[in-house]
Amino acid sequence: MRGKLWLLAAALSLVGCMDHTRPIFGDWHGYQNGNPDGWDRSVALVLEGPPDARHGIYHLRVLRRPSALSSPSVGMSHDVRWQDIWVEHTVAAGGNHWTVIELQSAPSSEYSSYILMPERTLVPVAPDGGTPDLSDAGQKARLTPRPVTAHGYGRI
C-alpha cells in the first residue's frame, strides 16, 4: 500500500512538469521596483491564445512587497492573482503603428495597457495613450518574454 501511495504522489508531482494544454500567445515577467506607491512588484503575465490571436484570457500574478524606501504604514507583502480578457489593437501615433495589449478589468493598482515591442518586450503605454513609455519609470515597468523552453512556461 505504501508503495502505491508513493507512486501516486510521484506521478501527481510530475503533472506540473507536463506541457500546458492550451495555446499560449506569450509569457512575460519582470520586476517593477521603485514605484511611487511604495510597493516593489514581481510580475508574471500569461496571455492565452494561438500565435495569431488578437484576444484571449490573461493570467496575472503580482507579488507586492514594500519598497526599501517605503514607510512602515505600507504594510506586508501580498500576492495578487487576476484573470480576465486581453485584447490586442493597433494605434497610429508619432508616425508609427503600435500593437497595444489591453488587460481588461485589471486591478487599478497595476498596469493594464502595454505596447508589444518588436523584440516581444511589453512596455507600458505612455500617458499620451498611444506610444510606449520610454521614460525611466516605463523602462522599470517593462516585462520581458520568458523563453518557450523555460520551466513553467505558460503557467502562473
C-alpha atoms as a PDB file:
ATOM      1  CA  MET A   1       0.000   0.000   0.000  1.00  0.00           C
ATOM      2  CA  ARG A   2       2.826   2.412   0.881  1.00  0.00           C
ATOM      3  CA  GLY A   3       4.455   1.753  -2.477  1.00  0.00           C
ATOM      4  CA  LYS A   4       1.243   2.629  -4.323  1.00  0.00           C
ATOM      5  CA  LEU A   5       0.828   5.872  -2.349  1.00  0.00           C
ATOM      6  CA  TRP A   6       4.432   6.847  -3.065  1.00  0.00           C
ATOM      7  CA  LEU A   7       3.933   6.109  -6.769  1.00  0.00           C
ATOM      8  CA  LEU A   8       0.732   8.180  -6.827  1.00  0.00           C
ATOM      9  CA  ALA A   9       2.466  11.113  -5.096  1.00  0.00           C
ATOM     10  CA  ALA A  10       5.372  10.937  -7.558  1.00  0.00           C
ATOM     11  CA  ALA A  11       3.010  10.848 -10.550  1.00  0.00           C
ATOM     12  CA  LEU A  12       0.999  13.816  -9.278  1.00  0.00           C
ATOM     13  CA  SER A  13       4.141  15.877  -8.761  1.00  0.00           C
ATOM     14  CA  LEU A  14       5.090  15.314 -12.412  1.00  0.00           C
ATOM     15  CA  VAL A  15       1.764  16.658 -13.665  1.00  0.00           C
ATOM     16  CA  GLY A  16       3.023  20.221 -13.143  1.00  0.00           C
ATOM     17  CA  CYS A  17       6.037  19.490 -15.363  1.00  0.00           C
ATOM     18  CA  MET A  18       3.949  18.496 -18.367  1.00  0.00           C
ATOM     19  CA  ASP A  19       3.277  20.875 -21.234  1.00  0.00           C
ATOM     20  CA  HIS A  20       0.392  23.283 -20.867  1.00  0.00           C
ATOM     21  CA  THR A  21      -2.764  22.106 -22.598  1.00  0.00           C
ATOM     22  CA  ARG A  22      -3.910  25.436 -24.018  1.00  0.00           C
ATOM     23  CA  PRO A  23      -2.250  27.555 -26.707  1.00  0.00           C
ATOM     24  CA  ILE A  24      -0.102  30.344 -25.275  1.00  0.00           C
ATOM     25  CA  PHE A  25       0.272  33.685 -27.078  1.00  0.00           C
ATOM     26  CA  GLY A  26       3.039  34.722 -24.689  1.00  0.00           C
ATOM     27  CA  ASP A  27       4.509  34.575 -21.209  1.00  0.00           C
ATOM     28  CA  TRP A  28       6.229  37.623 -19.670  1.00  0.00           C
ATOM     29  CA  HIS A  29       7.817  38.503 -16.350  1.00  0.00           C
ATOM     30  CA  GLY A  30       9.532  41.445 -14.729  1.00  0.00           C
ATOM     31  CA  TYR A  31      10.399  43.341 -11.581  1.00  0.00           C
ATOM     32  CA  GLN A  32       8.775  46.743 -11.162  1.00  0.00           C
ATOM     33  CA  ASN A  33      10.779  48.424  -8.403  1.00  0.00           C
ATOM     34  CA  GLY A  34      10.766  51.952  -7.025  1.00  0.00           C
ATOM     35  CA  ASN A  35       7.083  52.639  -7.686  1.00  0.00           C
ATOM     36  CA  PRO A  36       5.658  55.876  -6.270  1.00  0.00           C
ATOM     37  CA  ASP A  37       3.018  53.926  -4.302  1.00  0.00           C
ATOM     38  CA  GLY A  38       5.725  52.388  -2.081  1.00  0.00           C
ATOM     39  CA  TRP A  39       5.477  48.840  -3.471  1.00  0.00           C
ATOM     40  CA  ASP A  40       8.006  46.789  -5.422  1.00  0.00           C
ATOM     41  CA  ARG A  41       6.447  44.156  -7.658  1.00  0.00           C
ATOM     42  CA  SER A  42       7.375  40.818  -9.180  1.00  0.00           C
ATOM     43  CA  VAL A  43       5.023  40.414 -12.155  1.00  0.00           C
ATOM     44  CA  ALA A  44       4.146  37.350 -14.244  1.00  0.00           C
ATOM     45  CA  LEU A  45       1.719  37.616 -17.166  1.00  0.00           C
ATOM     46  CA  VAL A  46       0.463  34.834 -19.439  1.00  0.00           C
ATOM     47  CA  LEU A  47      -1.747  35.515 -22.455  1.00  0.00           C
ATOM     48  CA  GLU A  48      -3.663  32.510 -23.742  1.00  0.00           C
ATOM     49  CA  GLY A  49      -4.194  32.129 -27.474  1.00  0.00           C
ATOM     50  CA  PRO A  50      -2.524  30.914 -30.656  1.00  0.00           C
ATOM     51  CA  PRO A  51       0.360  32.959 -32.144  1.00  0.00           C
ATOM     52  CA  ASP A  52      -2.017  34.958 -34.371  1.00  0.00           C
ATOM     53  CA  ALA A  53      -4.568  35.688 -31.610  1.00  0.00           C
ATOM     54  CA  ARG A  54      -5.982  39.179 -31.118  1.00  0.00           C
ATOM     55  CA  HIS A  55      -7.771  38.393 -27.853  1.00  0.00           C
ATOM     56  CA  GLY A  56      -7.999  35.709 -25.204  1.00  0.00           C
ATOM     57  CA  ILE A  57      -7.734  35.129 -21.474  1.00  0.00           C
ATOM     58  CA  TYR A  58      -4.884  36.622 -19.442  1.00  0.00           C
ATOM     59  CA  HIS A  59      -3.480  35.389 -16.145  1.00  0.00           C
ATOM     60  CA  LEU A  60      -1.682  37.959 -13.995  1.00  0.00           C
ATOM     61  CA  ARG A  61       0.271  37.295 -10.809  1.00  0.00           C
ATOM     62  CA  VAL A  62       1.809  40.167  -8.883  1.00  0.00           C
ATOM     63  CA  LEU A  63       3.813  39.653  -5.711  1.00  0.00           C
ATOM     64  CA  ARG A  64       3.856  43.028  -3.979  1.00  0.00           C
ATOM     65  CA  ARG A  65       6.346  43.803  -1.234  1.00  0.00           C
ATOM     66  CA  PRO A  66       7.132  47.105   0.497  1.00  0.00           C
ATOM     67  CA  SER A  67       9.936  49.059  -1.142  1.00  0.00           C
ATOM     68  CA  ALA A  68      13.093  49.525   0.908  1.00  0.00           C
ATOM     69  CA  LEU A  69      12.311  53.252   0.835  1.00  0.00           C
ATOM     70  CA  SER A  70       8.633  52.974   1.800  1.00  0.00           C
ATOM     71  CA  SER A  71       7.186  53.885   5.156  1.00  0.00           C
ATOM     72  CA  PRO A  72       6.150  51.164   7.622  1.00  0.00           C
ATOM     73  CA  SER A  73       2.499  52.091   7.009  1.00  0.00           C
ATOM     74  CA  VAL A  74       2.617  50.446   3.558  1.00  0.00           C
ATOM     75  CA  GLY A  75       2.056  47.039   5.136  1.00  0.00           C
ATOM     76  CA  MET A  76       3.163  43.477   4.473  1.00  0.00           C
ATOM     77  CA  SER A  77       3.861  41.625   1.223  1.00  0.00           C
ATOM     78  CA  HIS A  78       0.966  40.027  -0.594  1.00  0.00           C
ATOM     79  CA  ASP A  79       0.147  38.179  -3.784  1.00  0.00           C
ATOM     80  CA  VAL A  80      -2.421  39.409  -6.332  1.00  0.00           C
ATOM     81  CA  ARG A  81      -3.777  36.930  -8.891  1.00  0.00           C
ATOM     82  CA  TRP A  82      -6.133  38.062 -11.606  1.00  0.00           C
ATOM     83  CA  GLN A  83      -7.569  36.803 -14.862  1.00  0.00           C
ATOM     84  CA  ASP A  84      -9.891  38.267 -17.453  1.00  0.00           C
ATOM     85  CA  ILE A  85      -9.877  39.069 -21.173  1.00  0.00           C
ATOM     86  CA  TRP A  86      -6.961  40.590 -23.086  1.00  0.00           C
ATOM     87  CA  VAL A  87      -7.449  42.398 -26.391  1.00  0.00           C
ATOM     88  CA  GLU A  88      -4.889  43.463 -28.983  1.00  0.00           C
ATOM     89  CA  HIS A  89      -5.388  46.511 -31.188  1.00  0.00           C
ATOM     90  CA  THR A  90      -3.188  48.791 -33.279  1.00  0.00           C
ATOM     91  CA  VAL A  91      -2.801  52.540 -32.779  1.00  0.00           C
ATOM     92  CA  ALA A  92      -1.042  55.048 -35.009  1.00  0.00           C
ATOM     93  CA  ALA A  93       0.993  57.660 -33.138  1.00  0.00           C
ATOM     94  CA  GLY A  94       4.102  59.641 -33.942  1.00  0.00           C
ATOM     95  CA  GLY A  95       4.325  58.196 -37.444  1.00  0.00           C
ATOM     96  CA  ASN A  96       4.420  54.612 -36.122  1.00  0.00           C
ATOM     97  CA  HIS A  97       1.881  51.846 -35.710  1.00  0.00           C
ATOM     98  CA  TRP A  98       1.971  50.275 -32.258  1.00  0.00           C
ATOM     99  CA  THR A  99       0.441  46.990 -31.096  1.00  0.00           C
ATOM    100  CA  VAL A 100      -1.354  47.610 -27.797  1.00  0.00           C
ATOM    101  CA  ILE A 101      -2.278  44.798 -25.397  1.00  0.00           C
ATOM    102  CA  GLU A 102      -5.150  45.791 -23.084  1.00  0.00           C
ATOM    103  CA  LEU A 103      -5.757  43.773 -19.912  1.00  0.00           C
ATOM    104  CA  GLN A 104      -9.448  44.298 -19.300  1.00  0.00           C
ATOM    105  CA  SER A 105     -10.594  44.702 -15.683  1.00  0.00           C
ATOM    106  CA  ALA A 106      -7.011  44.568 -14.363  1.00  0.00           C
ATOM    107  CA  PRO A 107      -6.613  45.789 -10.787  1.00  0.00           C
ATOM    108  CA  SER A 108      -6.306  49.582 -10.742  1.00  0.00           C
ATOM    109  CA  SER A 109      -3.014  49.286  -8.852  1.00  0.00           C
ATOM    110  CA  GLU A 110      -1.373  47.513 -11.816  1.00  0.00           C
ATOM    111  CA  TYR A 111      -0.543  48.444 -15.412  1.00  0.00           C
ATOM    112  CA  SER A 112      -3.380  47.448 -17.744  1.00  0.00           C
ATOM    113  CA  SER A 113      -2.066  48.619 -21.146  1.00  0.00           C
ATOM    114  CA  TYR A 114       1.205  47.558 -22.715  1.00  0.00           C
ATOM    115  CA  ILE A 115       2.776  48.044 -26.133  1.00  0.00           C
ATOM    116  CA  LEU A 116       4.213  44.898 -27.698  1.00  0.00           C
ATOM    117  CA  MET A 117       7.636  45.937 -28.970  1.00  0.00           C
ATOM    118  CA  PRO A 118       9.313  44.226 -31.962  1.00  0.00           C
ATOM    119  CA  GLU A 119      11.517  42.085 -29.664  1.00  0.00           C
ATOM    120  CA  ARG A 120       8.288  40.983 -27.851  1.00  0.00           C
ATOM    121  CA  THR A 121       9.006  43.052 -24.725  1.00  0.00           C
ATOM    122  CA  LEU A 122       5.898  44.618 -23.165  1.00  0.00           C
ATOM    123  CA  VAL A 123       6.336  48.314 -22.301  1.00  0.00           C
ATOM    124  CA  PRO A 124       3.579  50.281 -20.520  1.00  0.00           C
ATOM    125  CA  VAL A 125       1.628  52.723 -22.660  1.00  0.00           C
ATOM    126  CA  ALA A 126       2.797  56.315 -22.128  1.00  0.00           C
ATOM    127  CA  PRO A 127       0.410  58.865 -20.596  1.00  0.00           C
ATOM    128  CA  ASP A 128      -0.353  60.148 -24.133  1.00  0.00           C
ATOM    129  CA  GLY A 129      -2.174  56.838 -24.681  1.00  0.00           C
ATOM    130  CA  GLY A 130      -0.567  55.870 -27.974  1.00  0.00           C
ATOM    131  CA  THR A 131       3.176  55.382 -27.622  1.00  0.00           C
ATOM    132  CA  PRO A 132       5.458  53.241 -25.453  1.00  0.00           C
ATOM    133  CA  ASP A 133       6.508  54.798 -22.152  1.00  0.00           C
ATOM    134  CA  LEU A 134      10.251  55.078 -22.700  1.00  0.00           C
ATOM    135  CA  SER A 135      10.777  57.148 -19.540  1.00  0.00           C
ATOM    136  CA  ASP A 136      12.810  55.738 -16.665  1.00  0.00           C
ATOM    137  CA  ALA A 137       9.588  54.665 -14.911  1.00  0.00           C
ATOM    138  CA  GLY A 138       8.299  52.973 -18.082  1.00  0.00           C
ATOM    139  CA  GLN A 139      11.551  51.096 -18.591  1.00  0.00           C
ATOM    140  CA  LYS A 140      11.475  49.882 -14.979  1.00  0.00           C
ATOM    141  CA  ALA A 141       7.952  48.549 -15.543  1.00  0.00           C
ATOM    142  CA  ARG A 142       8.611  46.647 -18.791  1.00  0.00           C
ATOM    143  CA  LEU A 143       8.018  42.907 -18.934  1.00  0.00           C
ATOM    144  CA  THR A 144      10.400  40.601 -20.783  1.00  0.00           C
ATOM    145  CA  PRO A 145       9.331  37.460 -22.632  1.00  0.00           C
ATOM    146  CA  ARG A 146      10.016  34.141 -20.961  1.00  0.00           C
ATOM    147  CA  PRO A 147      11.635  31.614 -23.335  1.00  0.00           C
ATOM    148  CA  VAL A 148       9.269  28.914 -24.582  1.00  0.00           C
ATOM    149  CA  THR A 149      11.756  26.337 -23.300  1.00  0.00           C
ATOM    150  CA  ALA A 150      11.723  27.762 -19.738  1.00  0.00           C
ATOM    151  CA  HIS A 151      10.414  25.545 -16.956  1.00  0.00           C
ATOM    152  CA  GLY A 152       6.874  26.610 -16.136  1.00  0.00           C
ATOM    153  CA  TYR A 153       6.307  28.459 -19.429  1.00  0.00           C
ATOM    154  CA  GLY A 154       2.625  29.315 -19.779  1.00  0.00           C
ATOM    155  CA  ARG A 155       1.797  28.683 -16.130  1.00  0.00           C
ATOM    156  CA  ILE A 156       1.230  31.111 -13.265  1.00  0.00           C
END
